[in-house]
C-alpha atoms as a PDB file:
ATOM      1  CA  MET A   1      42.590  69.728-106.801  1.00  0.00           C
ATOM      2  CA  THR A   2      40.629  68.701-103.664  1.00  0.00           C
ATOM      3  CA  LEU A   3      40.049  70.961-100.763  1.00  0.00           C
ATOM      4  CA  GLN A   4      39.775  69.399 -97.225  1.00  0.00           C
ATOM      5  CA  PRO A   5      38.653  71.316 -94.242  1.00  0.00           C
ATOM      6  CA  ARG A   6      41.416  71.825 -91.725  1.00  0.00           C
ATOM      7  CA  GLU A   7      40.821  70.658 -88.144  1.00  0.00           C
ATOM      8  CA  SER A   8      41.203  73.189 -85.532  1.00  0.00           C
ATOM      9  CA  ARG A   9      43.364  72.611 -82.483  1.00  0.00           C
ATOM     10  CA  MET A  10      40.285  72.291 -80.325  1.00  0.00           C
ATOM     11  CA  GLN A  11      38.821  69.582 -82.541  1.00  0.00           C
ATOM     12  CA  ARG A  12      42.060  67.649 -82.473  1.00  0.00           C
ATOM     13  CA  ARG A  13      42.182  67.794 -78.663  1.00  0.00           C
ATOM     14  CA  TRP A  14      38.569  66.715 -78.398  1.00  0.00           C
ATOM     15  CA  ARG A  15      39.106  63.748 -80.697  1.00  0.00           C
ATOM     16  CA  ARG A  16      42.252  62.763 -78.866  1.00  0.00           C
ATOM     17  CA  GLY A  17      40.403  62.945 -75.574  1.00  0.00           C
ATOM     18  CA  MET A  18      37.631  60.761 -76.889  1.00  0.00           C
ATOM     19  CA  VAL A  19      40.137  58.138 -78.034  1.00  0.00           C
ATOM     20  CA  ILE A  20      41.859  58.195 -74.655  1.00  0.00           C
ATOM     21  CA  LEU A  21      38.518  57.984 -72.863  1.00  0.00           C
ATOM     22  CA  LEU A  22      37.517  55.047 -75.038  1.00  0.00           C
ATOM     23  CA  LEU A  23      40.781  53.282 -74.319  1.00  0.00           C
ATOM     24  CA  ILE A  24      40.356  53.823 -70.598  1.00  0.00           C
ATOM     25  CA  SER A  25      36.682  52.757 -70.526  1.00  0.00           C
ATOM     26  CA  ILE A  26      37.414  49.340 -71.987  1.00  0.00           C
ATOM     27  CA  PRO A  27      39.506  47.986 -69.042  1.00  0.00           C
ATOM     28  CA  VAL A  28      37.283  49.837 -66.558  1.00  0.00           C
ATOM     29  CA  SER A  29      34.195  48.121 -67.999  1.00  0.00           C
ATOM     30  CA  ALA A  30      35.981  44.800 -67.933  1.00  0.00           C
ATOM     31  CA  TRP A  31      36.970  45.334 -64.286  1.00  0.00           C
ATOM     32  CA  GLN A  32      33.425  46.283 -63.317  1.00  0.00           C
ATOM     33  CA  GLY A  33      32.103  43.198 -65.120  1.00  0.00           C
ATOM     34  CA  TRP A  34      34.598  41.013 -63.290  1.00  0.00           C
ATOM     35  CA  GLU A  35      33.645  42.599 -59.952  1.00  0.00           C
ATOM     36  CA  ALA A  36      29.953  41.971 -60.644  1.00  0.00           C
ATOM     37  CA  ALA A  37      30.621  38.355 -61.574  1.00  0.00           C
ATOM     38  CA  MET A  38      32.682  37.858 -58.410  1.00  0.00           C
ATOM     39  CA  ARG A  39      29.909  39.359 -56.274  1.00  0.00           C
ATOM     40  CA  GLN A  40      27.398  36.970 -57.865  1.00  0.00           C
ATOM     41  CA  GLN A  41      29.699  34.002 -57.233  1.00  0.00           C
ATOM     42  CA  GLN A  42      30.321  34.890 -53.586  1.00  0.00           C
ATOM     43  CA  PRO A  43      27.259  32.947 -52.237  1.00  0.00           C
ATOM     44  CA  LEU A  44      28.236  30.002 -54.427  1.00  0.00           C
ATOM     45  CA  ARG A  45      31.758  30.011 -53.019  1.00  0.00           C
ATOM     46  CA  GLN A  46      30.417  30.189 -49.493  1.00  0.00           C
ATOM     47  CA  GLU A  47      28.054  27.290 -50.170  1.00  0.00           C
ATOM     48  CA  ARG A  48      30.901  25.323 -51.729  1.00  0.00           C
ATOM     49  CA  GLU A  49      33.110  25.939 -48.685  1.00  0.00           C
ATOM     50  CA  ALA A  50      30.249  24.886 -46.383  1.00  0.00           C
ATOM     51  CA  LEU A  51      29.794  21.679 -48.394  1.00  0.00           C
ATOM     52  CA  ILE A  52      33.518  20.966 -48.183  1.00  0.00           C
ATOM     53  CA  ASP A  53      33.468  21.460 -44.400  1.00  0.00           C
ATOM     54  CA  ARG A  54      30.395  19.216 -44.084  1.00  0.00           C
ATOM     55  CA  GLN A  55      32.061  16.564 -46.217  1.00  0.00           C
ATOM     56  CA  GLU A  56      35.146  16.600 -44.005  1.00  0.00           C
ATOM     57  CA  GLN A  57      32.925  16.324 -40.909  1.00  0.00           C
ATOM     58  CA  LEU A  58      30.999  13.384 -42.382  1.00  0.00           C
ATOM     59  CA  ILE A  59      34.242  11.631 -43.290  1.00  0.00           C
ATOM     60  CA  LYS A  60      35.450  12.094 -39.709  1.00  0.00           C
ATOM     61  CA  GLU A  61      32.157  10.813 -38.248  1.00  0.00           C
ATOM     62  CA  LEU A  62      32.218   7.831 -40.607  1.00  0.00           C
ATOM     63  CA  GLU A  63      35.725   6.916 -39.512  1.00  0.00           C
ATOM     64  CA  GLU A  64      34.731   7.211 -35.845  1.00  0.00           C
ATOM     65  CA  ALA A  65      31.668   5.022 -36.496  1.00  0.00           C
ATOM     66  CA  ARG A  66      33.875   2.425 -38.179  1.00  0.00           C
ATOM     67  CA  GLN A  67      36.201   2.396 -35.194  1.00  0.00           C
ATOM     68  CA  ARG A  68      33.260   2.021 -32.778  1.00  0.00           C
ATOM     69  CA  TYR A  69      31.837  -0.805 -34.880  1.00  0.00           C
ATOM     70  CA  HIS A  70      35.180  -2.566 -34.881  1.00  0.00           C
ATOM     71  CA  GLN A  71      35.399  -2.179 -31.094  1.00  0.00           C
ATOM     72  CA  LEU A  72      31.865  -3.581 -30.738  1.00  0.00           C
ATOM     73  CA  GLU A  73      32.848  -6.595 -32.808  1.00  0.00           C
ATOM     74  CA  VAL A  74      35.787  -7.181 -30.475  1.00  0.00           C
ATOM     75  CA  ASP A  75      33.560  -6.720 -27.403  1.00  0.00           C
ATOM     76  CA  VAL A  76      30.991  -9.187 -28.782  1.00  0.00           C
ATOM     77  CA  LEU A  77      33.671 -11.818 -29.350  1.00  0.00           C
ATOM     78  CA  VAL A  78      35.015 -11.308 -25.829  1.00  0.00           C
ATOM     79  CA  ALA A  79      31.479 -11.419 -24.391  1.00  0.00           C
ATOM     80  CA  ARG A  80      30.730 -14.670 -26.223  1.00  0.00           C
ATOM     81  CA  ASP A  81      33.822 -16.252 -24.726  1.00  0.00           C
ATOM     82  CA  ALA A  82      32.849 -14.953 -21.287  1.00  0.00           C
ATOM     83  CA  VAL A  83      29.285 -16.286 -21.618  1.00  0.00           C
ATOM     84  CA  ALA A  84      30.533 -19.692 -22.724  1.00  0.00           C
ATOM     85  CA  GLU A  85      32.949 -19.789 -19.806  1.00  0.00           C
ATOM     86  CA  GLY A  86      30.217 -18.654 -17.417  1.00  0.00           C
ATOM     87  CA  GLN A  87      27.833 -21.326 -18.654  1.00  0.00           C
ATOM     88  CA  GLN A  88      30.496 -23.954 -18.108  1.00  0.00           C
ATOM     89  CA  ILE A  89      31.117 -22.707 -14.561  1.00  0.00           C
ATOM     90  CA  ILE A  90      27.372 -22.712 -13.830  1.00  0.00           C
ATOM     91  CA  HIS A  91      27.064 -26.262 -15.148  1.00  0.00           C
ATOM     92  CA  GLU A  92      29.945 -27.406 -12.952  1.00  0.00           C
ATOM     93  CA  LEU A  93      28.467 -25.691  -9.882  1.00  0.00           C
ATOM     94  CA  GLU A  94      25.051 -27.217 -10.563  1.00  0.00           C
ATOM     95  CA  ALA A  95      26.656 -30.650 -10.803  1.00  0.00           C
ATOM     96  CA  GLN A  96      28.510 -30.090  -7.527  1.00  0.00           C
ATOM     97  CA  LEU A  97      25.332 -28.899  -5.813  1.00  0.00           C
ATOM     98  CA  PHE A  98      23.428 -31.916  -7.073  1.00  0.00           C
ATOM     99  CA  LYS A  99      26.075 -34.297  -5.763  1.00  0.00           C
ATOM    100  CA  GLN A 100      26.032 -32.472  -2.440  1.00  0.00           C
ATOM    101  CA  GLN A 101      22.262 -32.846  -2.224  1.00  0.00           C
ATOM    102  CA  GLN A 102      22.609 -36.535  -2.967  1.00  0.00           C
ATOM    103  CA  SER A 103      25.098 -36.876  -0.140  1.00  0.00           C
ATOM    104  CA  LEU A 104      22.951 -34.905   2.304  1.00  0.00           C
ATOM    105  CA  ALA A 105      19.974 -37.088   1.513  1.00  0.00           C
ATOM    106  CA  GLN A 106      21.853 -40.093   2.873  1.00  0.00           C
ATOM    107  CA  TYR A 107      22.225 -38.694   6.384  1.00  0.00           C
ATOM    108  CA  GLN A 108      19.537 -39.971   8.694  1.00  0.00           C
ATOM    109  CA  GLY A 109      17.519 -37.356  10.563  1.00  0.00           C
ATOM    110  CA  VAL A 110      18.734 -34.429   8.446  1.00  0.00           C
ATOM    111  CA  LEU A 111      16.020 -34.823   5.867  1.00  0.00           C
ATOM    112  CA  ALA A 112      12.684 -36.597   5.880  1.00  0.00           C
ATOM    113  CA  PRO A 113      12.782 -40.410   5.715  1.00  0.00           C
ATOM    114  CA  SER A 114      11.624 -40.297   2.103  1.00  0.00           C
ATOM    115  CA  ALA A 115      14.240 -37.747   1.082  1.00  0.00           C
ATOM    116  CA  ALA A 116      16.588 -40.379  -0.330  1.00  0.00           C
ATOM    117  CA  ALA A 117      13.899 -41.670  -2.663  1.00  0.00           C
ATOM    118  CA  PRO A 118      14.301 -40.471  -6.254  1.00  0.00           C
ATOM    119  CA  GLY A 119      12.046 -37.608  -7.276  1.00  0.00           C
ATOM    120  CA  LEU A 120      11.376 -33.886  -7.152  1.00  0.00           C
ATOM    121  CA  ARG A 121      12.022 -31.849  -4.003  1.00  0.00           C
ATOM    122  CA  ILE A 122      10.924 -28.365  -2.962  1.00  0.00           C
ATOM    123  CA  GLN A 123      14.269 -27.270  -1.612  1.00  0.00           C
ATOM    124  CA  ALA A 124      13.331 -23.782  -0.392  1.00  0.00           C
ATOM    125  CA  PHE A 125      10.524 -21.238  -0.387  1.00  0.00           C
ATOM    126  CA  GLU A 126      10.921 -17.543   0.403  1.00  0.00           C
ATOM    127  CA  LEU A 127       8.363 -14.761   0.713  1.00  0.00           C
ATOM    128  CA  GLN A 128       9.442 -11.111   0.674  1.00  0.00           C
ATOM    129  CA  ALA A 129       7.588  -7.895   1.486  1.00  0.00           C
ATOM    130  CA  THR A 130       7.520  -4.905  -0.872  1.00  0.00           C
ATOM    131  CA  ASP A 131       6.726  -1.223  -0.525  1.00  0.00           C
ATOM    132  CA  SER A 132       3.040  -2.064  -0.941  1.00  0.00           C
ATOM    133  CA  PRO A 133       1.381  -3.805   2.036  1.00  0.00           C
ATOM    134  CA  ASP A 134      -0.688  -5.996  -0.304  1.00  0.00           C
ATOM    135  CA  ALA A 135       2.143  -7.026  -2.655  1.00  0.00           C
ATOM    136  CA  PHE A 136       4.770  -9.684  -2.003  1.00  0.00           C
ATOM    137  CA  ARG A 137       7.562 -11.289  -3.984  1.00  0.00           C
ATOM    138  CA  TYR A 138       8.275 -14.979  -3.755  1.00  0.00           C
ATOM    139  CA  LYS A 139      10.697 -17.549  -5.075  1.00  0.00           C
ATOM    140  CA  VAL A 140      10.809 -21.312  -4.993  1.00  0.00           C
ATOM    141  CA  MET A 141      13.846 -23.539  -5.375  1.00  0.00           C
ATOM    142  CA  VAL A 142      13.190 -27.071  -6.610  1.00  0.00           C
ATOM    143  CA  SER A 143      15.734 -29.848  -6.907  1.00  0.00           C
ATOM    144  CA  ARG A 144      15.766 -33.552  -7.612  1.00  0.00           C
ATOM    145  CA  VAL A 145      17.131 -36.731  -6.149  1.00  0.00           C
ATOM    146  CA  GLY A 146      18.020 -39.555  -8.465  1.00  0.00           C
ATOM    147  CA  ASP A 147      19.251 -39.898 -12.024  1.00  0.00           C
ATOM    148  CA  GLU A 148      20.297 -36.511 -13.402  1.00  0.00           C
ATOM    149  CA  SER A 149      21.004 -37.727 -16.917  1.00  0.00           C
ATOM    150  CA  GLU A 150      17.657 -36.475 -18.215  1.00  0.00           C
ATOM    151  CA  THR A 151      16.017 -33.069 -17.895  1.00  0.00           C
ATOM    152  CA  LEU A 152      12.962 -32.975 -15.657  1.00  0.00           C
ATOM    153  CA  GLN A 153       9.929 -31.175 -17.080  1.00  0.00           C
ATOM    154  CA  ALA A 154       6.917 -30.504 -14.872  1.00  0.00           C
ATOM    155  CA  LYS A 155       4.405 -27.897 -13.681  1.00  0.00           C
ATOM    156  CA  LEU A 156       4.425 -26.184 -10.296  1.00  0.00           C
ATOM    157  CA  ALA A 157       0.988 -24.964  -9.225  1.00  0.00           C
ATOM    158  CA  VAL A 158       0.841 -22.192  -6.610  1.00  0.00           C
ATOM    159  CA  SER A 159      -2.203 -21.228  -4.538  1.00  0.00           C
ATOM    160  CA  VAL A 160      -2.772 -19.168  -1.413  1.00  0.00           C
ATOM    161  CA  SER A 161      -5.447 -19.978   1.153  1.00  0.00           C
ATOM    162  CA  GLY A 162      -6.802 -17.564   3.743  1.00  0.00           C
ATOM    163  CA  LYS A 163      -9.917 -15.692   4.776  1.00  0.00           C
ATOM    164  CA  ARG A 164     -11.887 -12.760   3.472  1.00  0.00           C
ATOM    165  CA  GLY A 165     -14.878 -11.391   5.272  1.00  0.00           C
ATOM    166  CA  GLY A 166     -14.638 -14.216   7.813  1.00  0.00           C
ATOM    167  CA  LYS A 167     -14.959 -16.893   5.106  1.00  0.00           C
ATOM    168  CA  ALA A 168     -12.283 -19.325   3.920  1.00  0.00           C
ATOM    169  CA  GLU A 169     -11.019 -18.639   0.406  1.00  0.00           C
ATOM    170  CA  THR A 170      -8.313 -20.029  -1.858  1.00  0.00           C
ATOM    171  CA  LEU A 171      -6.767 -17.914  -4.631  1.00  0.00           C
ATOM    172  CA  SER A 172      -4.927 -19.335  -7.624  1.00  0.00           C
ATOM    173  CA  LEU A 173      -1.654 -18.028  -9.005  1.00  0.00           C
ATOM    174  CA  ALA A 174      -3.417 -16.458 -12.002  1.00  0.00           C
ATOM    175  CA  GLN A 175      -5.583 -14.430  -9.593  1.00  0.00           C
ATOM    176  CA  LEU A 176      -2.596 -13.298  -7.564  1.00  0.00           C
ATOM    177  CA  SER A 177      -0.137 -12.745 -10.416  1.00  0.00           C
ATOM    178  CA  PRO A 178      -1.975 -11.585 -13.574  1.00  0.00           C
ATOM    179  CA  ALA A 179       1.347 -10.957 -15.359  1.00  0.00           C
ATOM    180  CA  LEU A 180       1.959 -14.694 -15.402  1.00  0.00           C
ATOM    181  CA  GLY A 181      -1.405 -15.550 -16.934  1.00  0.00           C
ATOM    182  CA  SER A 182      -1.353 -19.105 -15.579  1.00  0.00           C
ATOM    183  CA  ASP A 183      -2.013 -21.088 -12.401  1.00  0.00           C
ATOM    184  CA  SER A 184       1.363 -22.841 -12.610  1.00  0.00           C
ATOM    185  CA  LEU A 185       5.050 -22.315 -13.314  1.00  0.00           C
ATOM    186  CA  ASP A 186       7.045 -24.283 -15.865  1.00  0.00           C
ATOM    187  CA  LEU A 187       9.812 -26.511 -14.513  1.00  0.00           C
ATOM    188  CA  ASN A 188      12.594 -27.586 -16.822  1.00  0.00           C
ATOM    189  CA  PHE A 189      15.907 -28.490 -15.175  1.00  0.00           C
ATOM    190  CA  ARG A 190      18.459 -31.202 -14.586  1.00  0.00           C
ATOM    191  CA  TYR A 191      19.815 -30.389 -11.123  1.00  0.00           C
ATOM    192  CA  PHE A 192      17.818 -27.516  -9.637  1.00  0.00           C
ATOM    193  CA  GLN A 193      15.789 -24.480 -10.659  1.00  0.00           C
ATOM    194  CA  VAL A 194      14.607 -21.236  -9.058  1.00  0.00           C
ATOM    195  CA  VAL A 195      11.190 -19.980 -10.171  1.00  0.00           C
ATOM    196  CA  PRO A 196       9.700 -17.641 -11.256  1.00  0.00           C
ATOM    197  CA  ALA A 197      12.414 -16.774 -13.741  1.00  0.00           C
ATOM    198  CA  ARG A 198      11.420 -13.129 -14.250  1.00  0.00           C
ATOM    199  CA  SER A 199      10.914 -10.567 -11.501  1.00  0.00           C
ATOM    200  CA  GLU A 200       7.601  -9.265 -12.873  1.00  0.00           C
ATOM    201  CA  GLN A 201       6.184 -12.800 -12.588  1.00  0.00           C
ATOM    202  CA  ALA A 202       7.297 -13.169  -8.957  1.00  0.00           C
ATOM    203  CA  LEU A 203       4.820 -10.615  -7.627  1.00  0.00           C
ATOM    204  CA  LEU A 204       1.793 -11.758  -5.643  1.00  0.00           C
ATOM    205  CA  THR A 205      -0.856  -9.071  -5.138  1.00  0.00           C
ATOM    206  CA  LEU A 206      -3.498  -9.852  -2.530  1.00  0.00           C
ATOM    207  CA  PRO A 207      -7.045  -8.550  -3.046  1.00  0.00           C
ATOM    208  CA  GLU A 208      -8.436  -6.049  -0.577  1.00  0.00           C
ATOM    209  CA  GLY A 209      -9.650  -7.651   2.630  1.00  0.00           C
ATOM    210  CA  PHE A 210      -7.936 -10.990   2.002  1.00  0.00           C
ATOM    211  CA  VAL A 211      -5.858 -12.340   4.909  1.00  0.00           C
ATOM    212  CA  PRO A 212      -3.386 -15.034   3.726  1.00  0.00           C
ATOM    213  CA  GLN A 213      -2.623 -18.004   5.956  1.00  0.00           C
ATOM    214  CA  GLN A 214      -0.886 -20.667   3.860  1.00  0.00           C
ATOM    215  CA  ILE A 215       0.672 -21.128   0.441  1.00  0.00           C
ATOM    216  CA  LYS A 216       0.476 -24.476  -1.313  1.00  0.00           C
ATOM    217  CA  LEU A 217       2.920 -25.787  -3.920  1.00  0.00           C
ATOM    218  CA  VAL A 218       2.060 -28.806  -6.072  1.00  0.00           C
ATOM    219  CA  ALA A 219       4.389 -30.157  -8.764  1.00  0.00           C
ATOM    220  CA  THR A 220       2.824 -32.383 -11.401  1.00  0.00           C
ATOM    221  CA  ARG A 221       3.830 -34.131 -14.597  1.00  0.00           C
ATOM    222  CA  ASP A 222       1.305 -35.661 -16.962  1.00  0.00           C
ATOM    223  CA  ASP A 223      -1.406 -35.263 -14.294  1.00  0.00           C
ATOM    224  CA  ASP A 224       0.735 -37.198 -11.793  1.00  0.00           C
ATOM    225  CA  THR A 225       1.620 -35.413  -8.556  1.00  0.00           C
ATOM    226  CA  LEU A 226       5.375 -35.416  -7.996  1.00  0.00           C
ATOM    227  CA  VAL A 227       5.469 -33.440  -4.759  1.00  0.00           C
ATOM    228  CA  GLU A 228       3.049 -31.395  -2.671  1.00  0.00           C
ATOM    229  CA  GLN A 229       3.996 -29.071   0.162  1.00  0.00           C
ATOM    230  CA  VAL A 230       2.260 -26.404   2.247  1.00  0.00           C
ATOM    231  CA  PHE A 231       4.030 -23.446   3.849  1.00  0.00           C
ATOM    232  CA  ASP A 232       2.700 -21.012   6.399  1.00  0.00           C
ATOM    233  CA  TRP A 233       2.359 -17.466   5.087  1.00  0.00           C
ATOM    234  CA  THR A 234       5.476 -16.048   6.713  1.00  0.00           C
ATOM    235  CA  VAL A 235       7.395 -13.109   5.337  1.00  0.00           C
ATOM    236  CA  THR A 236      11.066 -14.127   5.386  1.00  0.00           C
ATOM    237  CA  GLY A 237      12.669 -11.028   3.943  1.00  0.00           C
ATOM    238  CA  ALA A 238      12.094  -7.517   2.675  1.00  0.00           C
ATOM    239  CA  VAL A 239      12.881  -6.070  -0.717  1.00  0.00           C
ATOM    240  CA  PRO A 240      15.001  -2.912  -0.337  1.00  0.00           C
END
């Protein structure tokens, strides 16, 4: 016969309470663990959402860039057609101008007696003032009379004569236009050509104290003089 101690009512209540407390603590601990894990993942979720938004933005920008590129391709094709058409129009106008010059050369008294002879002509010269009293812009138009089947290549030397300190002095183009770096301009045309080609090369800057009187133009090819002409230093226009 075995004797077992009998639990009191208080002991039974305490044990029952402990069991209930244990059963309640398990889901509470699990909930707290889940809450802690969610709090730790919150920055990661925010970073993930930011990356998703950035990805969507990049996709949108890429699509816009593709559309712009496609439009540029279309614009380039249209521009090429326009340039080709413009070149053709320029060629036709040059041919018409050349024929007109040939016809004008036949009228007696309109041009010099030697104008009808084949060769290079200085068709026009213009000198323009600038905002600086010592700086001037110039342009020269050359044309030809005769066979236009071949391109004419030559050099056009430019020099300015005048006085400085009461003494005669002649300045070369390289002295007056350092940007050009040469005493002459290149000629390469079939019908006519306007030189200088670039605006920064068309600037003549006079040294201090120099008073210009005349400008001389000499076109040569292979050391042979094709045409030589002297113009008075007269300002014909003003640059706005």
